[in-house]
């Protein structure tokens, strides 16, 4: 081991998705770099992400020919995505040298990440931050159409995915057999899935929210960003964040607004067909639907801050950054009572947790969110909840340091 801070190779294969997992890793890296000497390895990355990491004085290792994440039925049948990631890691000489350099490796799950493990010697300490099982492999929701139709698909696709599923499950075997390799899930809900699916008992390392990135008071540029978006008056809409699909509950978000005077802003991407379907359904139910994607952090904050509430109806979100980001801003979070949402929201104290099918409670919660006194009370309790759970980059890095210290 080096004489100074331990050398930590931080790895996440796919960064270009730029979803919650990537945002969380980027916000935690500065504090991790205070505890360790860090290098960062990936198979693809956006220019803006690389510039941000390098501004932290962290060396970024990424192949010149970046790996392209490909989906589709054939890739699922043949485990094509996993095999192509493994081939990219195999050819990536700088990553192999970084493994030798590192005292320990911190691997964040996601597309292509688990294939990195096959190149790590068994005596090299590894900490895996487990986020969720690969969508569609061990659950049904990801195979359904946007409106929940296609219930025949999961059984057939699960049968076709036998080879891919066995390959994925095999990639976790080292965490059962090797005491130098440990896992932390991103929530107790995820830890339960980790045990049920892979037979691994893991700890928990919560994601974080940076209160300087999501301040209680608006920044100077937020009003300008909000006006440039031309999305309507403040407080007349709610926001849901996530890719457009059945699993994320995008369709359900429209349904719970039926009969209210609130419109819906969807921050997430999808196919043109899915976007058109959402708008058509919204029109039929009397709910105006606006779809946005590729937003800057300032534009995202302005949309969230000026909404009546932020809502989420995902069918089993592993953790969910959106509720704690809403709490940081002082915006009421109203979410379905499933998954990791139930670990951060305390119903009636800092937001609402509601059963999906109870339309009456959804309308009641939306009315509460628009009450100034309730909004203020939930906002104060939200900050207290963030502190209570230690959902800060500083605490995240400290816990990671303690976990890796047990392996060195």
Protein backbone atom coordinates (compact mmCIF):
# COMPACT_ATOMS: atom_id res chain seq x y z
CA UNK A 1 0.00 0.00 0.00
CA UNK A 2 1.18 3.56 -0.71
CA UNK A 3 2.61 5.74 2.10
CA UNK A 4 -0.03 8.49 1.73
CA UNK A 5 -3.76 8.02 1.22
CA UNK A 6 -4.74 4.59 -0.10
CA UNK A 7 -4.88 4.36 -3.89
CA UNK A 8 -8.46 3.84 -5.01
CA UNK A 9 -9.51 2.97 -8.55
CA UNK A 10 -13.12 4.11 -8.99
CA UNK A 11 -14.87 2.29 -11.83
CA UNK A 12 -18.19 2.67 -13.62
CA UNK A 13 -18.36 1.33 -17.15
CA UNK A 14 -21.18 3.40 -18.66
CA UNK A 15 -21.30 7.12 -17.88
CA UNK A 16 -23.01 8.52 -20.98
CA UNK A 17 -26.47 7.50 -19.74
CA UNK A 18 -26.06 10.34 -17.22
CA UNK A 19 -28.88 9.18 -14.97
CA UNK A 20 -29.19 9.13 -11.20
CA UNK A 21 -26.32 6.68 -10.66
CA UNK A 22 -23.94 8.82 -12.67
CA UNK A 23 -25.06 12.04 -10.99
CA UNK A 24 -24.58 10.50 -7.56
CA UNK A 25 -21.11 9.22 -8.35
CA UNK A 26 -20.01 12.60 -9.71
CA UNK A 27 -21.28 14.47 -6.65
CA UNK A 28 -19.52 12.05 -4.27
CA UNK A 29 -16.16 11.95 -6.07
CA UNK A 30 -14.74 15.20 -4.61
CA UNK A 31 -15.18 13.94 -1.04
CA UNK A 32 -13.90 10.48 -1.97
CA UNK A 33 -10.79 12.16 -3.41
CA UNK A 34 -10.14 13.73 0.00
CA UNK A 35 -9.93 10.26 1.55
CA UNK A 36 -8.05 8.45 -1.24
CA UNK A 37 -5.67 9.00 -4.12
CA UNK A 38 -8.17 8.41 -6.91
CA UNK A 39 -8.14 7.39 -10.54
CA UNK A 40 -11.36 6.92 -12.49
CA UNK A 41 -11.91 4.25 -15.17
CA UNK A 42 -14.87 3.86 -17.52
CA UNK A 43 -15.72 2.59 -21.00
CA UNK A 44 -17.65 5.68 -22.12
CA UNK A 45 -18.07 9.21 -20.83
CA UNK A 46 -19.47 12.58 -21.87
CA UNK A 47 -17.02 15.42 -22.46
CA UNK A 48 -18.67 17.48 -19.72
CA UNK A 49 -18.37 14.61 -17.24
CA UNK A 50 -14.70 14.09 -18.04
CA UNK A 51 -13.98 17.79 -17.68
CA UNK A 52 -15.73 17.84 -14.31
CA UNK A 53 -13.79 14.85 -12.97
CA UNK A 54 -10.49 16.24 -14.23
CA UNK A 55 -11.28 19.55 -12.53
CA UNK A 56 -11.16 17.53 -9.28
CA UNK A 57 -7.55 16.60 -10.22
CA UNK A 58 -8.60 13.00 -10.83
CA UNK A 59 -7.13 11.18 -13.82
CA UNK A 60 -9.80 9.79 -16.14
CA UNK A 61 -9.10 6.54 -18.00
CA UNK A 62 -11.38 5.88 -20.97
CA UNK A 63 -10.63 4.09 -24.25
CA UNK A 64 -10.37 6.19 -27.43
CA UNK A 65 -12.97 3.96 -29.06
CA UNK A 66 -15.66 4.24 -26.44
CA UNK A 67 -17.95 1.31 -25.74
CA UNK A 68 -21.48 1.68 -27.09
CA UNK A 69 -24.25 0.24 -24.93
CA UNK A 70 -26.53 -1.78 -27.19
CA UNK A 71 -29.84 -3.27 -26.13
CA UNK A 72 -32.43 -5.22 -28.05
CA UNK A 73 -33.76 -8.77 -27.94
CA UNK A 74 -30.78 -10.38 -29.70
CA UNK A 75 -28.35 -8.85 -27.20
CA UNK A 76 -30.48 -10.19 -24.37
CA UNK A 77 -30.64 -13.69 -25.82
CA UNK A 78 -26.89 -13.86 -26.46
CA UNK A 79 -25.68 -11.70 -23.54
CA UNK A 80 -24.23 -9.50 -26.28
CA UNK A 81 -24.00 -6.41 -24.09
CA UNK A 82 -22.07 -8.25 -21.39
CA UNK A 83 -19.73 -9.92 -23.88
CA UNK A 84 -18.97 -6.67 -25.72
CA UNK A 85 -18.23 -4.90 -22.41
CA UNK A 86 -15.88 -7.70 -21.40
CA UNK A 87 -14.09 -7.40 -24.75
CA UNK A 88 -13.70 -3.64 -24.27
CA UNK A 89 -12.26 -4.06 -20.77
CA UNK A 90 -9.94 -6.82 -22.02
CA UNK A 91 -8.40 -4.52 -24.66
CA UNK A 92 -8.16 -1.51 -22.32
CA UNK A 93 -4.53 -1.69 -21.24
CA UNK A 94 -4.66 1.49 -19.12
CA UNK A 95 -7.37 -0.06 -16.95
CA UNK A 96 -5.24 -3.18 -16.37
CA UNK A 97 -2.30 -1.02 -15.28
CA UNK A 98 -4.62 0.91 -12.97
CA UNK A 99 -5.68 -2.35 -11.30
CA UNK A 100 -2.01 -3.02 -10.49
CA UNK A 101 -1.58 0.58 -9.24
CA UNK A 102 -4.61 0.51 -6.92
CA UNK A 103 -4.67 -0.61 -3.30
CA UNK A 104 -8.42 -1.17 -3.68
CA UNK A 105 -11.19 -0.86 -6.26
CA UNK A 106 -14.58 0.82 -5.82
CA UNK A 107 -16.94 -0.45 -8.51
CA UNK A 108 -20.35 1.09 -9.16
CA UNK A 109 -22.89 -1.22 -10.77
CA UNK A 110 -24.60 -0.65 -14.10
CA UNK A 111 -24.22 -1.68 -17.72
CA UNK A 112 -20.78 -3.17 -18.35
CA UNK A 113 -19.44 -2.73 -14.83
CA UNK A 114 -19.66 -6.31 -13.57
CA UNK A 115 -17.56 -7.50 -16.54
CA UNK A 116 -14.61 -5.59 -15.05
CA UNK A 117 -14.39 -8.05 -12.17
CA UNK A 118 -12.97 -10.88 -14.27
CA UNK A 119 -9.74 -8.91 -14.72
CA UNK A 120 -9.17 -8.23 -11.01
CA UNK A 121 -6.89 -10.59 -9.03
CA UNK A 122 -8.64 -12.38 -6.17
CA UNK A 123 -6.31 -10.79 -3.59
CA UNK A 124 -7.17 -7.23 -4.67
CA UNK A 125 -9.75 -5.61 -2.35
CA UNK A 126 -13.00 -4.72 -4.11
CA UNK A 127 -16.03 -2.78 -2.90
CA UNK A 128 -19.13 -2.97 -5.09
CA UNK A 129 -21.83 -0.33 -4.82
CA UNK A 130 -24.85 -2.39 -5.84
CA UNK A 131 -27.65 -0.27 -7.28
CA UNK A 132 -30.17 -2.71 -8.71
CA UNK A 133 -30.48 -5.93 -10.65
CA UNK A 134 -30.21 -5.49 -14.40
CA UNK A 135 -33.67 -4.39 -15.59
CA UNK A 136 -35.82 -7.18 -16.98
CA UNK A 137 -33.64 -10.08 -15.82
CA UNK A 138 -35.26 -10.80 -12.46
CA UNK A 139 -38.47 -8.73 -12.69
CA UNK A 140 -41.32 -8.34 -15.17
CA UNK A 141 -42.10 -4.60 -15.27
CA UNK A 142 -39.26 -3.64 -17.62
CA UNK A 143 -40.67 -5.90 -20.36
CA UNK A 144 -44.14 -4.34 -20.38
CA UNK A 145 -45.33 -1.67 -22.77
CA UNK A 146 -45.64 1.92 -21.59
CA UNK A 147 -49.32 1.47 -20.71
CA UNK A 148 -48.72 -1.85 -18.90
CA UNK A 149 -49.94 -4.02 -21.75
CA UNK A 150 -47.97 -6.98 -23.09
CA UNK A 151 -48.33 -9.16 -20.01
CA UNK A 152 -47.42 -12.19 -22.13
CA UNK A 153 -43.88 -10.89 -22.74
CA UNK A 154 -42.05 -11.51 -19.43
CA UNK A 155 -42.40 -15.31 -19.33
CA UNK A 156 -41.19 -15.69 -22.90
CA UNK A 157 -38.36 -13.18 -22.54
CA UNK A 158 -37.20 -14.64 -19.23
CA UNK A 159 -36.96 -18.01 -20.98
CA UNK A 160 -34.91 -16.46 -23.79
CA UNK A 161 -32.68 -14.68 -21.27
CA UNK A 162 -31.41 -17.89 -19.61
CA UNK A 163 -27.85 -17.50 -20.92
CA UNK A 164 -27.68 -13.80 -20.04
CA UNK A 165 -29.16 -14.38 -16.57
CA UNK A 166 -26.67 -17.17 -15.77
CA UNK A 167 -23.77 -14.99 -16.91
CA UNK A 168 -24.93 -12.07 -14.74
CA UNK A 169 -25.48 -14.27 -11.69
CA UNK A 170 -22.02 -15.82 -12.15
CA UNK A 171 -20.43 -12.35 -12.07
CA UNK A 172 -21.56 -11.93 -8.43
CA UNK A 173 -20.09 -15.23 -7.26
CA UNK A 174 -16.82 -13.67 -6.13
CA UNK A 175 -18.66 -11.68 -3.48
CA UNK A 176 -19.81 -14.94 -1.90
CA UNK A 177 -16.50 -16.78 -2.13
CA UNK A 178 -13.90 -14.03 -1.59
CA UNK A 179 -13.63 -12.23 1.79
CA UNK A 180 -11.62 -9.43 0.12
CA UNK A 181 -14.65 -8.53 -2.00
CA UNK A 182 -17.65 -6.87 -0.33
CA UNK A 183 -20.93 -5.29 -1.42
CA UNK A 184 -22.93 -2.31 -0.21
CA UNK A 185 -26.41 -1.77 -1.62
CA UNK A 186 -27.77 1.73 -2.14
CA UNK A 187 -30.76 1.08 0.14
CA UNK A 188 -32.18 -1.55 2.47
CA UNK A 189 -34.70 -2.33 -0.25
CA UNK A 190 -31.82 -3.07 -2.66
CA UNK A 191 -30.01 -5.06 0.02
CA UNK A 192 -33.10 -7.27 0.27
CA UNK A 193 -33.06 -7.84 -3.49
CA UNK A 194 -29.32 -8.57 -3.37
CA UNK A 195 -29.94 -11.30 -0.80
CA UNK A 196 -33.00 -12.71 -2.54
CA UNK A 197 -31.53 -12.80 -6.06
CA UNK A 198 -27.83 -13.52 -5.48
CA UNK A 199 -27.71 -14.91 -1.95
CA UNK A 200 -25.35 -12.12 -0.84
CA UNK A 201 -25.68 -10.32 2.48
CA UNK A 202 -24.45 -6.78 1.93
CA UNK A 203 -24.27 -3.54 3.84
CA UNK A 204 -25.87 -0.25 2.83
CA UNK A 205 -24.20 2.86 1.42
CA UNK A 206 -26.82 5.49 0.71
CA UNK A 207 -26.50 7.93 -2.20
CA UNK A 208 -26.32 11.62 -1.32
CA UNK A 209 -27.58 15.07 -2.13
CA UNK A 210 -25.27 18.08 -2.24
CA UNK A 211 -27.03 20.99 -0.53
CA UNK A 212 -24.83 23.44 -2.42
CA UNK A 213 -26.06 21.94 -5.70
CA UNK A 214 -29.68 21.94 -4.47
CA UNK A 215 -29.80 25.05 -2.23
CA UNK A 216 -32.91 26.13 -0.38
CA UNK A 217 -32.68 29.60 -1.96
CA UNK A 218 -32.78 29.96 -5.76
CA UNK A 219 -29.61 30.88 -7.63
CA UNK A 220 -29.46 33.99 -9.80
CA UNK A 221 -29.74 32.08 -13.03
CA UNK A 222 -32.75 29.93 -12.14
CA UNK A 223 -35.41 32.51 -13.04
CA UNK A 224 -33.78 33.07 -16.42
CA UNK A 225 -33.55 29.32 -16.99
CA UNK A 226 -37.22 28.90 -16.02
CA UNK A 227 -38.40 31.68 -18.32
CA UNK A 228 -36.39 30.28 -21.23
CA UNK A 229 -38.17 26.94 -20.89
CA UNK A 230 -41.62 28.53 -21.41
CA UNK A 231 -43.44 25.81 -19.48
CA UNK A 232 -46.16 27.90 -17.84
CA UNK A 233 -46.80 29.62 -14.53
CA UNK A 234 -45.07 28.66 -11.31
CA UNK A 235 -46.99 26.27 -9.09
CA UNK A 236 -49.38 25.12 -11.84
CA UNK A 237 -47.66 21.82 -12.64
CA UNK A 238 -46.00 18.81 -11.05
CA UNK A 239 -42.79 17.12 -12.16
CA UNK A 240 -41.87 13.47 -12.59
CA UNK A 241 -38.29 12.52 -13.43
CA UNK A 242 -37.03 9.38 -15.15
CA UNK A 243 -36.97 7.61 -18.49
CA UNK A 244 -40.36 7.14 -20.13
CA UNK A 245 -41.42 3.56 -19.42
CA UNK A 246 -43.88 1.45 -17.48
CA UNK A 247 -41.39 0.67 -14.69
CA UNK A 248 -40.98 4.38 -13.91
CA UNK A 249 -44.74 4.86 -13.75
CA UNK A 250 -44.85 7.63 -16.35
CA UNK A 251 -48.32 6.59 -17.51
CA UNK A 252 -49.61 6.48 -13.94
CA UNK A 253 -48.31 10.00 -13.29
CA UNK A 254 -50.84 11.30 -15.82
CA UNK A 255 -53.69 9.28 -14.35
CA UNK A 256 -53.24 10.61 -10.79
CA UNK A 257 -53.55 14.18 -12.14
CA UNK A 258 -56.88 13.52 -13.85
CA UNK A 259 -59.53 15.85 -12.45
CA UNK A 260 -57.02 18.35 -11.06
CA UNK A 261 -55.98 21.67 -12.61
CA UNK A 262 -52.32 20.63 -12.64
CA UNK A 263 -50.28 19.86 -15.72
CA UNK A 264 -47.41 17.36 -15.86
CA UNK A 265 -43.80 17.92 -16.82
CA UNK A 266 -41.89 14.74 -17.60
CA UNK A 267 -38.12 15.10 -17.40
CA UNK A 268 -36.88 12.02 -19.19
CA UNK A 269 -36.28 10.52 -22.58
CA UNK A 270 -38.08 7.95 -24.66
CA UNK A 271 -38.91 7.08 -28.24
CA UNK A 272 -41.00 9.42 -30.39
CA UNK A 273 -43.79 6.85 -30.27
CA UNK A 274 -43.74 6.81 -26.45
CA UNK A 275 -43.70 10.60 -26.25
CA UNK A 276 -46.65 10.89 -28.63
CA UNK A 277 -48.55 8.25 -26.66
CA UNK A 278 -48.01 10.17 -23.41
CA UNK A 279 -49.25 13.43 -24.90
CA UNK A 280 -52.28 11.69 -26.42
CA UNK A 281 -53.21 10.02 -23.13
CA UNK A 282 -52.77 13.32 -21.31
CA UNK A 283 -55.05 15.03 -23.82
CA UNK A 284 -57.72 12.33 -23.41
CA UNK A 285 -57.62 12.71 -19.60
CA UNK A 286 -57.49 16.51 -19.61
CA UNK A 287 -53.88 16.71 -18.42
CA UNK A 288 -51.36 18.80 -20.36
CA UNK A 289 -48.09 16.88 -20.72
CA UNK A 290 -44.74 18.52 -21.48
CA UNK A 291 -41.67 16.34 -22.06
CA UNK A 292 -38.14 17.65 -21.52
CA UNK A 293 -34.69 16.04 -21.52
CA UNK A 294 -31.01 16.97 -21.61
CA UNK A 295 -31.45 19.76 -19.06
CA UNK A 296 -28.68 21.59 -17.26
CA UNK A 297 -28.56 21.34 -13.48
CA UNK A 298 -29.83 24.93 -13.22
CA UNK A 299 -32.79 24.27 -15.52
CA UNK A 300 -33.62 21.09 -13.61
CA UNK A 301 -33.58 22.95 -10.30
CA UNK A 302 -35.75 25.75 -11.69
CA UNK A 303 -38.39 23.27 -12.90
CA UNK A 304 -38.43 21.39 -9.59
CA UNK A 305 -38.36 24.48 -7.37
CA UNK A 306 -41.27 26.16 -9.15
CA UNK A 307 -43.49 23.08 -9.26
CA UNK A 308 -46.42 22.35 -6.97
CA UNK A 309 -44.81 18.99 -6.16
CA UNK A 310 -42.42 16.38 -7.45
CA UNK A 311 -44.10 13.00 -7.90
CA UNK A 312 -42.90 9.46 -8.61
CA UNK A 313 -44.73 6.20 -9.26
CA UNK A 314 -41.90 3.80 -10.12
CA UNK A 315 -42.74 0.14 -9.54
CA UNK A 316 -39.76 -0.57 -7.29
CA UNK A 317 -37.14 2.15 -7.39
CA UNK A 318 -33.93 0.97 -5.71
CA UNK A 319 -33.36 4.27 -3.88
CA UNK A 320 -34.54 7.32 -5.80
CA UNK A 321 -32.55 10.56 -5.78
CA UNK A 322 -35.52 12.72 -6.73
CA UNK A 323 -37.21 12.71 -3.29
CA UNK A 324 -34.09 13.87 -1.44
CA UNK A 325 -33.31 16.47 -4.10
CA UNK A 326 -36.87 17.74 -3.66
CA UNK A 327 -36.42 17.84 0.12
CA UNK A 328 -33.21 19.84 -0.28
CA UNK A 329 -35.02 22.44 -2.39
CA UNK A 330 -38.06 22.54 -0.10
CA UNK A 331 -40.41 21.16 -2.75
CA UNK A 332 -43.06 18.65 -1.59
CA UNK A 333 -42.22 15.06 -2.62
CA UNK A 334 -45.25 12.82 -3.25
CA UNK A 335 -44.28 9.27 -4.14
CA UNK A 336 -45.67 5.78 -4.40
CA UNK A 337 -45.21 3.68 -1.25
CA UNK A 338 -42.79 1.23 -2.82
CA UNK A 339 -39.06 0.55 -2.96
CA UNK A 340 -36.44 2.93 -1.66
CA UNK A 341 -38.85 5.86 -1.54
CA UNK A 342 -40.15 4.55 1.79
CA UNK A 343 -36.68 4.92 3.34
CA UNK A 344 -36.40 8.68 2.83
CA UNK A 345 -39.99 9.92 2.94
CA UNK A 346 -41.91 9.79 6.21
CA UNK A 347 -45.57 10.02 5.25
CA UNK A 348 -47.15 13.24 6.43
CA UNK A 349 -43.90 14.61 7.89
CA UNK A 350 -41.69 15.51 4.94
CA UNK A 351 -43.94 14.50 2.06
CA UNK A 352 -46.42 11.78 1.21
CA UNK A 353 -46.19 8.05 0.50
CA UNK A 354 -49.29 6.82 -1.26
CA UNK A 355 -50.61 3.50 -2.54
CA UNK A 356 -50.70 3.58 -6.34
CA UNK A 357 -54.36 2.76 -6.74
CA UNK A 358 -55.73 5.29 -4.22
CA UNK A 359 -56.67 8.24 -6.45
CA UNK A 360 -58.41 9.99 -3.56
CA UNK A 361 -55.23 10.11 -1.48
CA UNK A 362 -53.25 11.41 -4.46
CA UNK A 363 -55.65 14.33 -4.88
CA UNK A 364 -55.56 14.99 -1.12
CA UNK A 365 -51.75 14.97 -1.14
CA UNK A 366 -51.58 17.37 -4.08
CA UNK A 367 -53.88 19.77 -2.25
CA UNK A 368 -51.67 19.53 0.85
CA UNK A 369 -48.59 20.27 -1.23
CA UNK A 370 -50.12 23.55 -2.42
CA UNK A 371 -50.85 24.70 1.12
CA UNK A 372 -48.07 27.17 2.10
CA UNK A 373 -47.91 26.09 5.76
CA UNK A 374 -47.77 22.39 4.89
CA UNK A 375 -45.13 23.03 2.27
CA UNK A 376 -43.00 24.94 4.78
CA UNK A 377 -43.40 22.25 7.45
CA UNK A 378 -42.50 19.44 5.04
CA UNK A 379 -39.53 21.49 3.81
CA UNK A 380 -38.09 21.87 7.30
CA UNK A 381 -38.64 18.19 8.04
CA UNK A 382 -37.04 17.28 4.72
CA UNK A 383 -33.74 18.90 5.65
CA UNK A 384 -33.87 17.22 9.03
CA UNK A 385 -34.43 13.84 7.33
CA UNK A 386 -31.41 14.36 5.07
CA UNK A 387 -29.30 15.08 8.15
CA UNK A 388 -30.79 12.17 10.11
CA UNK A 389 -29.92 9.66 7.37
CA UNK A 390 -26.53 11.25 6.66
CA UNK A 391 -27.31 11.76 2.98
CA UNK A 392 -24.33 13.99 2.22
CA UNK A 393 -21.25 13.44 0.02
CA UNK A 394 -19.04 13.87 3.10
CA UNK A 395 -20.80 11.08 4.99
CA UNK A 396 -20.90 8.87 1.90
CA UNK A 397 -17.11 9.17 1.53
CA UNK A 398 -16.51 8.54 5.23
CA UNK A 399 -18.55 5.33 5.22
CA UNK A 400 -16.80 4.17 2.04
CA UNK A 401 -13.42 4.85 3.68
CA UNK A 402 -14.42 2.77 6.71
CA UNK A 403 -15.59 -0.13 4.55
CA UNK A 404 -12.45 -0.22 2.42
CA UNK A 405 -10.23 0.09 5.52
CA UNK A 406 -11.54 -3.30 6.67
CA UNK A 407 -10.12 -4.84 3.48
CA UNK A 408 -6.62 -3.31 3.51
